[in-house]
């Protein structure tokens, strides 16, 4: 894959990191609401299979939200590393070419 603009790659990575933060913050609402519902049923002395299922849903919700947020953080890292690597490589190549241009090397 050819990178034409490392800045756009960094922007995509930043967007992925922002999405991870948002998922982490907003994702907790769903698991907390479900866990609160389970607690409310238990307080009413109605702690049957529904309460157990709600606890499982809350736990799964939290696990999946965190997994998705981690994927977004990984995307951020990969985009940043690729952009940095590209920028460093371009800088190195530019320096090499400038150095070679200063030398007069006749070709036969």
N, C-alpha and C. Protein backbone atom coordinates (compact mmCIF):
# COMPACT_ATOMS: atom_id res chain seq x y z
N UNK A 1 0.84 -1.18 0.00
CA UNK A 1 0.00 0.00 0.00
C UNK A 1 0.89 1.24 0.00
N UNK A 2 0.53 2.20 -0.77
CA UNK A 2 1.28 3.43 -0.85
C UNK A 2 0.61 4.49 0.02
N UNK A 3 1.40 5.15 0.82
CA UNK A 3 0.88 6.22 1.67
C UNK A 3 1.17 7.54 0.96
N UNK A 4 0.14 8.28 0.67
CA UNK A 4 0.32 9.55 -0.03
C UNK A 4 0.33 10.73 0.95
N UNK A 5 -0.38 10.58 2.06
CA UNK A 5 -0.45 11.67 3.02
C UNK A 5 -0.46 11.10 4.44
N UNK A 6 0.69 11.09 5.11
CA UNK A 6 0.74 10.53 6.46
C UNK A 6 -0.13 11.31 7.45
N UNK A 7 -0.40 12.57 7.14
CA UNK A 7 -1.27 13.37 8.00
C UNK A 7 -2.68 12.80 8.06
N UNK A 8 -3.16 12.32 6.91
CA UNK A 8 -4.49 11.72 6.88
C UNK A 8 -4.52 10.41 7.67
N UNK A 9 -3.42 9.70 7.63
CA UNK A 9 -3.32 8.46 8.39
C UNK A 9 -3.34 8.77 9.90
N UNK A 10 -2.63 9.80 10.28
CA UNK A 10 -2.65 10.23 11.69
C UNK A 10 -4.06 10.69 12.10
N UNK A 11 -4.73 11.39 11.20
CA UNK A 11 -6.10 11.85 11.49
C UNK A 11 -7.02 10.66 11.70
N UNK A 12 -6.88 9.64 10.87
CA UNK A 12 -7.69 8.43 11.03
C UNK A 12 -7.39 7.76 12.36
N UNK A 13 -6.12 7.71 12.73
CA UNK A 13 -5.74 7.12 14.01
C UNK A 13 -6.30 7.90 15.18
N UNK A 14 -6.27 9.22 15.09
CA UNK A 14 -6.83 10.06 16.15
C UNK A 14 -8.34 9.83 16.26
N UNK A 15 -9.00 9.71 15.12
CA UNK A 15 -10.44 9.43 15.13
C UNK A 15 -10.75 8.10 15.80
N UNK A 16 -9.92 7.10 15.53
CA UNK A 16 -10.11 5.79 16.16
C UNK A 16 -9.92 5.87 17.66
N UNK A 17 -8.95 6.66 18.11
CA UNK A 17 -8.71 6.82 19.54
C UNK A 17 -9.88 7.56 20.21
N UNK A 18 -10.40 8.57 19.54
CA UNK A 18 -11.56 9.29 20.07
C UNK A 18 -12.77 8.36 20.16
N UNK A 19 -12.93 7.51 19.16
CA UNK A 19 -14.02 6.54 19.18
C UNK A 19 -13.86 5.58 20.35
N UNK A 20 -12.64 5.14 20.61
CA UNK A 20 -12.38 4.25 21.74
C UNK A 20 -12.77 4.91 23.06
N UNK A 21 -12.39 6.16 23.21
CA UNK A 21 -12.75 6.89 24.45
C UNK A 21 -14.26 7.03 24.59
N UNK A 22 -14.91 7.34 23.49
CA UNK A 22 -16.37 7.50 23.52
C UNK A 22 -17.06 6.17 23.82
N UNK A 23 -16.58 5.11 23.21
CA UNK A 23 -17.14 3.78 23.49
C UNK A 23 -16.97 3.42 24.96
N UNK A 24 -15.80 3.70 25.49
CA UNK A 24 -15.53 3.38 26.89
C UNK A 24 -16.48 4.15 27.81
N UNK A 25 -16.67 5.43 27.52
CA UNK A 25 -17.54 6.26 28.36
C UNK A 25 -19.02 5.91 28.19
N UNK A 26 -19.46 5.84 26.95
CA UNK A 26 -20.89 5.61 26.70
C UNK A 26 -21.28 4.15 26.85
N UNK A 27 -20.36 3.26 26.61
CA UNK A 27 -20.66 1.84 26.72
C UNK A 27 -20.98 1.41 28.14
N UNK A 28 -20.44 2.12 29.09
CA UNK A 28 -20.71 1.79 30.49
C UNK A 28 -22.18 2.02 30.85
N UNK A 29 -22.82 2.95 30.16
CA UNK A 29 -24.23 3.24 30.48
C UNK A 29 -25.11 2.01 30.30
N UNK A 30 -24.89 1.29 29.22
CA UNK A 30 -25.71 0.11 28.96
C UNK A 30 -25.49 -0.98 30.00
N UNK A 31 -24.25 -1.24 30.33
CA UNK A 31 -23.98 -2.30 31.32
C UNK A 31 -24.44 -1.87 32.70
N UNK A 32 -24.25 -0.59 33.03
CA UNK A 32 -24.69 -0.10 34.34
C UNK A 32 -26.21 -0.14 34.47
N UNK A 33 -26.91 0.25 33.41
CA UNK A 33 -28.38 0.25 33.45
C UNK A 33 -28.91 -1.17 33.61
N UNK A 34 -28.29 -2.12 32.91
CA UNK A 34 -28.73 -3.50 33.01
C UNK A 34 -28.42 -4.07 34.40
N UNK A 35 -27.24 -3.75 34.92
CA UNK A 35 -26.88 -4.21 36.26
C UNK A 35 -27.80 -3.57 37.31
N UNK A 36 -28.13 -2.30 37.12
CA UNK A 36 -29.05 -1.63 38.04
C UNK A 36 -30.42 -2.28 38.02
N UNK A 37 -30.87 -2.68 36.83
CA UNK A 37 -32.16 -3.36 36.72
C UNK A 37 -32.15 -4.68 37.47
N UNK A 38 -31.06 -5.40 37.36
CA UNK A 38 -30.93 -6.66 38.07
C UNK A 38 -30.96 -6.43 39.58
N UNK A 39 -30.27 -5.41 40.02
CA UNK A 39 -30.25 -5.07 41.45
C UNK A 39 -31.65 -4.69 41.93
N UNK A 40 -32.38 -3.95 41.10
CA UNK A 40 -33.73 -3.55 41.47
C UNK A 40 -34.64 -4.77 41.62
N UNK A 41 -34.52 -5.72 40.71
CA UNK A 41 -35.32 -6.93 40.83
C UNK A 41 -34.96 -7.71 42.09
N UNK A 42 -33.66 -7.76 42.38
CA UNK A 42 -33.21 -8.48 43.58
C UNK A 42 -33.74 -7.80 44.83
N UNK A 43 -33.77 -6.48 44.84
CA UNK A 43 -34.29 -5.73 45.99
C UNK A 43 -35.77 -6.03 46.21
N UNK A 44 -36.46 -6.37 45.13
CA UNK A 44 -37.88 -6.71 45.24
C UNK A 44 -38.07 -8.20 45.55
N UNK A 45 -36.97 -8.85 45.88
CA UNK A 45 -36.96 -10.28 46.20
C UNK A 45 -37.40 -11.13 45.00
N UNK A 46 -37.10 -10.65 43.83
CA UNK A 46 -37.42 -11.39 42.62
C UNK A 46 -36.09 -11.67 41.91
N UNK A 47 -35.38 -12.65 42.38
CA UNK A 47 -34.03 -12.89 41.88
C UNK A 47 -33.96 -14.22 41.12
N UNK A 48 -34.89 -14.43 40.25
CA UNK A 48 -34.92 -15.67 39.47
C UNK A 48 -33.97 -15.62 38.29
N UNK A 49 -34.31 -16.38 37.27
CA UNK A 49 -33.47 -16.49 36.09
C UNK A 49 -33.30 -15.17 35.36
N UNK A 50 -34.31 -14.31 35.42
CA UNK A 50 -34.22 -13.02 34.74
C UNK A 50 -33.07 -12.18 35.33
N UNK A 51 -32.95 -12.15 36.63
CA UNK A 51 -31.87 -11.38 37.26
C UNK A 51 -30.51 -11.94 36.87
N UNK A 52 -30.40 -13.25 36.89
CA UNK A 52 -29.14 -13.89 36.50
C UNK A 52 -28.81 -13.56 35.05
N UNK A 53 -29.80 -13.62 34.18
CA UNK A 53 -29.59 -13.30 32.76
C UNK A 53 -29.19 -11.84 32.59
N UNK A 54 -29.80 -10.97 33.36
CA UNK A 54 -29.46 -9.54 33.26
C UNK A 54 -28.02 -9.29 33.70
N UNK A 55 -27.58 -9.96 34.72
CA UNK A 55 -26.19 -9.82 35.17
C UNK A 55 -25.25 -10.30 34.07
N UNK A 56 -25.60 -11.42 33.44
CA UNK A 56 -24.76 -11.94 32.35
C UNK A 56 -24.72 -10.97 31.17
N UNK A 57 -25.86 -10.39 30.86
CA UNK A 57 -25.91 -9.42 29.76
C UNK A 57 -25.04 -8.20 30.09
N UNK A 58 -25.13 -7.73 31.32
CA UNK A 58 -24.32 -6.57 31.73
C UNK A 58 -22.83 -6.88 31.62
N UNK A 59 -22.44 -8.07 32.06
CA UNK A 59 -21.04 -8.46 31.98
C UNK A 59 -20.59 -8.58 30.52
N UNK A 60 -21.41 -9.21 29.70
CA UNK A 60 -21.06 -9.38 28.29
C UNK A 60 -20.99 -8.02 27.59
N UNK A 61 -21.92 -7.15 27.91
CA UNK A 61 -21.95 -5.80 27.32
C UNK A 61 -20.62 -5.10 27.62
N UNK A 62 -20.20 -5.17 28.88
CA UNK A 62 -18.96 -4.51 29.28
C UNK A 62 -17.75 -5.13 28.58
N UNK A 63 -17.71 -6.47 28.50
CA UNK A 63 -16.61 -7.15 27.83
C UNK A 63 -16.53 -6.76 26.35
N UNK A 64 -17.66 -6.76 25.68
CA UNK A 64 -17.68 -6.47 24.25
C UNK A 64 -17.35 -5.00 23.97
N UNK A 65 -17.85 -4.12 24.83
CA UNK A 65 -17.54 -2.70 24.67
C UNK A 65 -16.04 -2.47 24.83
N UNK A 66 -15.45 -3.10 25.83
CA UNK A 66 -14.02 -2.95 26.06
C UNK A 66 -13.21 -3.57 24.91
N UNK A 67 -13.66 -4.69 24.39
CA UNK A 67 -12.97 -5.32 23.26
C UNK A 67 -13.00 -4.41 22.03
N UNK A 68 -14.14 -3.81 21.76
CA UNK A 68 -14.26 -2.91 20.61
C UNK A 68 -13.40 -1.66 20.82
N UNK A 69 -13.40 -1.14 22.04
CA UNK A 69 -12.56 0.03 22.33
C UNK A 69 -11.08 -0.32 22.14
N UNK A 70 -10.70 -1.53 22.51
CA UNK A 70 -9.30 -1.96 22.33
C UNK A 70 -8.94 -2.06 20.86
N UNK A 71 -9.85 -2.54 20.05
CA UNK A 71 -9.61 -2.59 18.60
C UNK A 71 -9.37 -1.18 18.07
N UNK A 72 -10.17 -0.24 18.53
CA UNK A 72 -10.00 1.16 18.10
C UNK A 72 -8.64 1.72 18.55
N UNK A 73 -8.23 1.39 19.78
CA UNK A 73 -6.91 1.83 20.25
C UNK A 73 -5.80 1.20 19.42
N UNK A 74 -5.97 -0.06 19.04
CA UNK A 74 -4.99 -0.73 18.19
C UNK A 74 -4.90 -0.07 16.82
N UNK A 75 -6.03 0.29 16.26
CA UNK A 75 -6.05 0.99 14.97
C UNK A 75 -5.30 2.31 15.09
N UNK A 76 -5.53 3.03 16.18
CA UNK A 76 -4.81 4.28 16.41
C UNK A 76 -3.30 4.04 16.42
N UNK A 77 -2.87 3.04 17.16
CA UNK A 77 -1.43 2.74 17.25
C UNK A 77 -0.85 2.38 15.89
N UNK A 78 -1.56 1.55 15.14
CA UNK A 78 -1.06 1.12 13.84
C UNK A 78 -1.01 2.28 12.85
N UNK A 79 -2.02 3.12 12.86
CA UNK A 79 -2.01 4.29 11.96
C UNK A 79 -0.86 5.23 12.32
N UNK A 80 -0.68 5.46 13.60
CA UNK A 80 0.40 6.37 14.05
C UNK A 80 1.77 5.80 13.69
N UNK A 81 1.97 4.52 13.94
CA UNK A 81 3.25 3.89 13.62
C UNK A 81 3.52 3.91 12.12
N UNK A 82 2.51 3.64 11.32
CA UNK A 82 2.69 3.66 9.86
C UNK A 82 3.02 5.06 9.37
N UNK A 83 2.32 6.06 9.89
CA UNK A 83 2.58 7.45 9.48
C UNK A 83 3.98 7.88 9.91
N UNK A 84 4.37 7.53 11.13
CA UNK A 84 5.71 7.89 11.61
C UNK A 84 6.79 7.19 10.78
N UNK A 85 6.58 5.91 10.50
CA UNK A 85 7.53 5.16 9.69
C UNK A 85 7.67 5.73 8.29
N UNK A 86 6.55 6.09 7.70
CA UNK A 86 6.57 6.68 6.37
C UNK A 86 7.33 8.01 6.39
N UNK A 87 7.01 8.85 7.36
CA UNK A 87 7.66 10.16 7.45
C UNK A 87 9.17 10.01 7.65
N UNK A 88 9.57 9.09 8.50
CA UNK A 88 11.00 8.86 8.75
C UNK A 88 11.69 8.33 7.50
N UNK A 89 11.04 7.41 6.82
CA UNK A 89 11.60 6.84 5.60
C UNK A 89 11.76 7.91 4.52
N UNK A 90 10.75 8.73 4.35
CA UNK A 90 10.83 9.81 3.36
C UNK A 90 11.94 10.79 3.70
N UNK A 91 12.09 11.09 4.96
CA UNK A 91 13.14 12.00 5.40
C UNK A 91 14.52 11.39 5.12
N UNK A 92 14.67 10.13 5.44
CA UNK A 92 15.94 9.44 5.17
C UNK A 92 16.26 9.41 3.68
N UNK A 93 15.27 9.09 2.87
CA UNK A 93 15.49 9.03 1.41
C UNK A 93 15.82 10.40 0.84
N UNK A 94 15.15 11.42 1.33
CA UNK A 94 15.43 12.78 0.86
C UNK A 94 16.86 13.16 1.19
N UNK A 95 17.30 12.84 2.40
CA UNK A 95 18.67 13.13 2.80
C UNK A 95 19.68 12.40 1.94
N UNK A 96 19.41 11.15 1.65
CA UNK A 96 20.30 10.35 0.82
C UNK A 96 20.40 10.94 -0.59
N UNK A 97 19.26 11.32 -1.14
CA UNK A 97 19.25 11.88 -2.50
C UNK A 97 19.97 13.22 -2.55
N UNK A 98 19.80 14.04 -1.53
CA UNK A 98 20.49 15.34 -1.51
C UNK A 98 22.00 15.12 -1.41
N UNK A 99 22.40 14.16 -0.61
CA UNK A 99 23.82 13.86 -0.45
C UNK A 99 24.40 13.35 -1.78
N UNK A 100 23.66 12.51 -2.45
CA UNK A 100 24.13 11.97 -3.73
C UNK A 100 24.18 13.05 -4.79
N UNK A 101 23.27 14.01 -4.74
CA UNK A 101 23.24 15.08 -5.74
C UNK A 101 24.45 15.99 -5.60
N UNK A 102 24.99 16.13 -4.38
CA UNK A 102 26.15 16.98 -4.16
C UNK A 102 27.43 16.35 -4.68
N UNK A 103 27.44 15.06 -4.78
CA UNK A 103 28.61 14.36 -5.27
C UNK A 103 28.55 14.27 -6.79
N UNK A 104 29.67 14.54 -7.40
CA UNK A 104 29.71 14.41 -8.85
C UNK A 104 30.20 13.02 -9.18
N UNK A 105 29.28 12.20 -9.60
CA UNK A 105 29.62 10.81 -9.93
C UNK A 105 29.41 10.63 -11.43
N UNK A 106 30.50 10.54 -12.17
CA UNK A 106 30.32 10.35 -13.62
C UNK A 106 29.89 8.91 -13.92
N UNK A 107 29.01 8.80 -14.85
CA UNK A 107 28.56 7.48 -15.30
C UNK A 107 29.14 7.21 -16.68
N UNK A 108 29.63 6.04 -16.88
CA UNK A 108 30.20 5.67 -18.18
C UNK A 108 29.18 4.99 -19.03
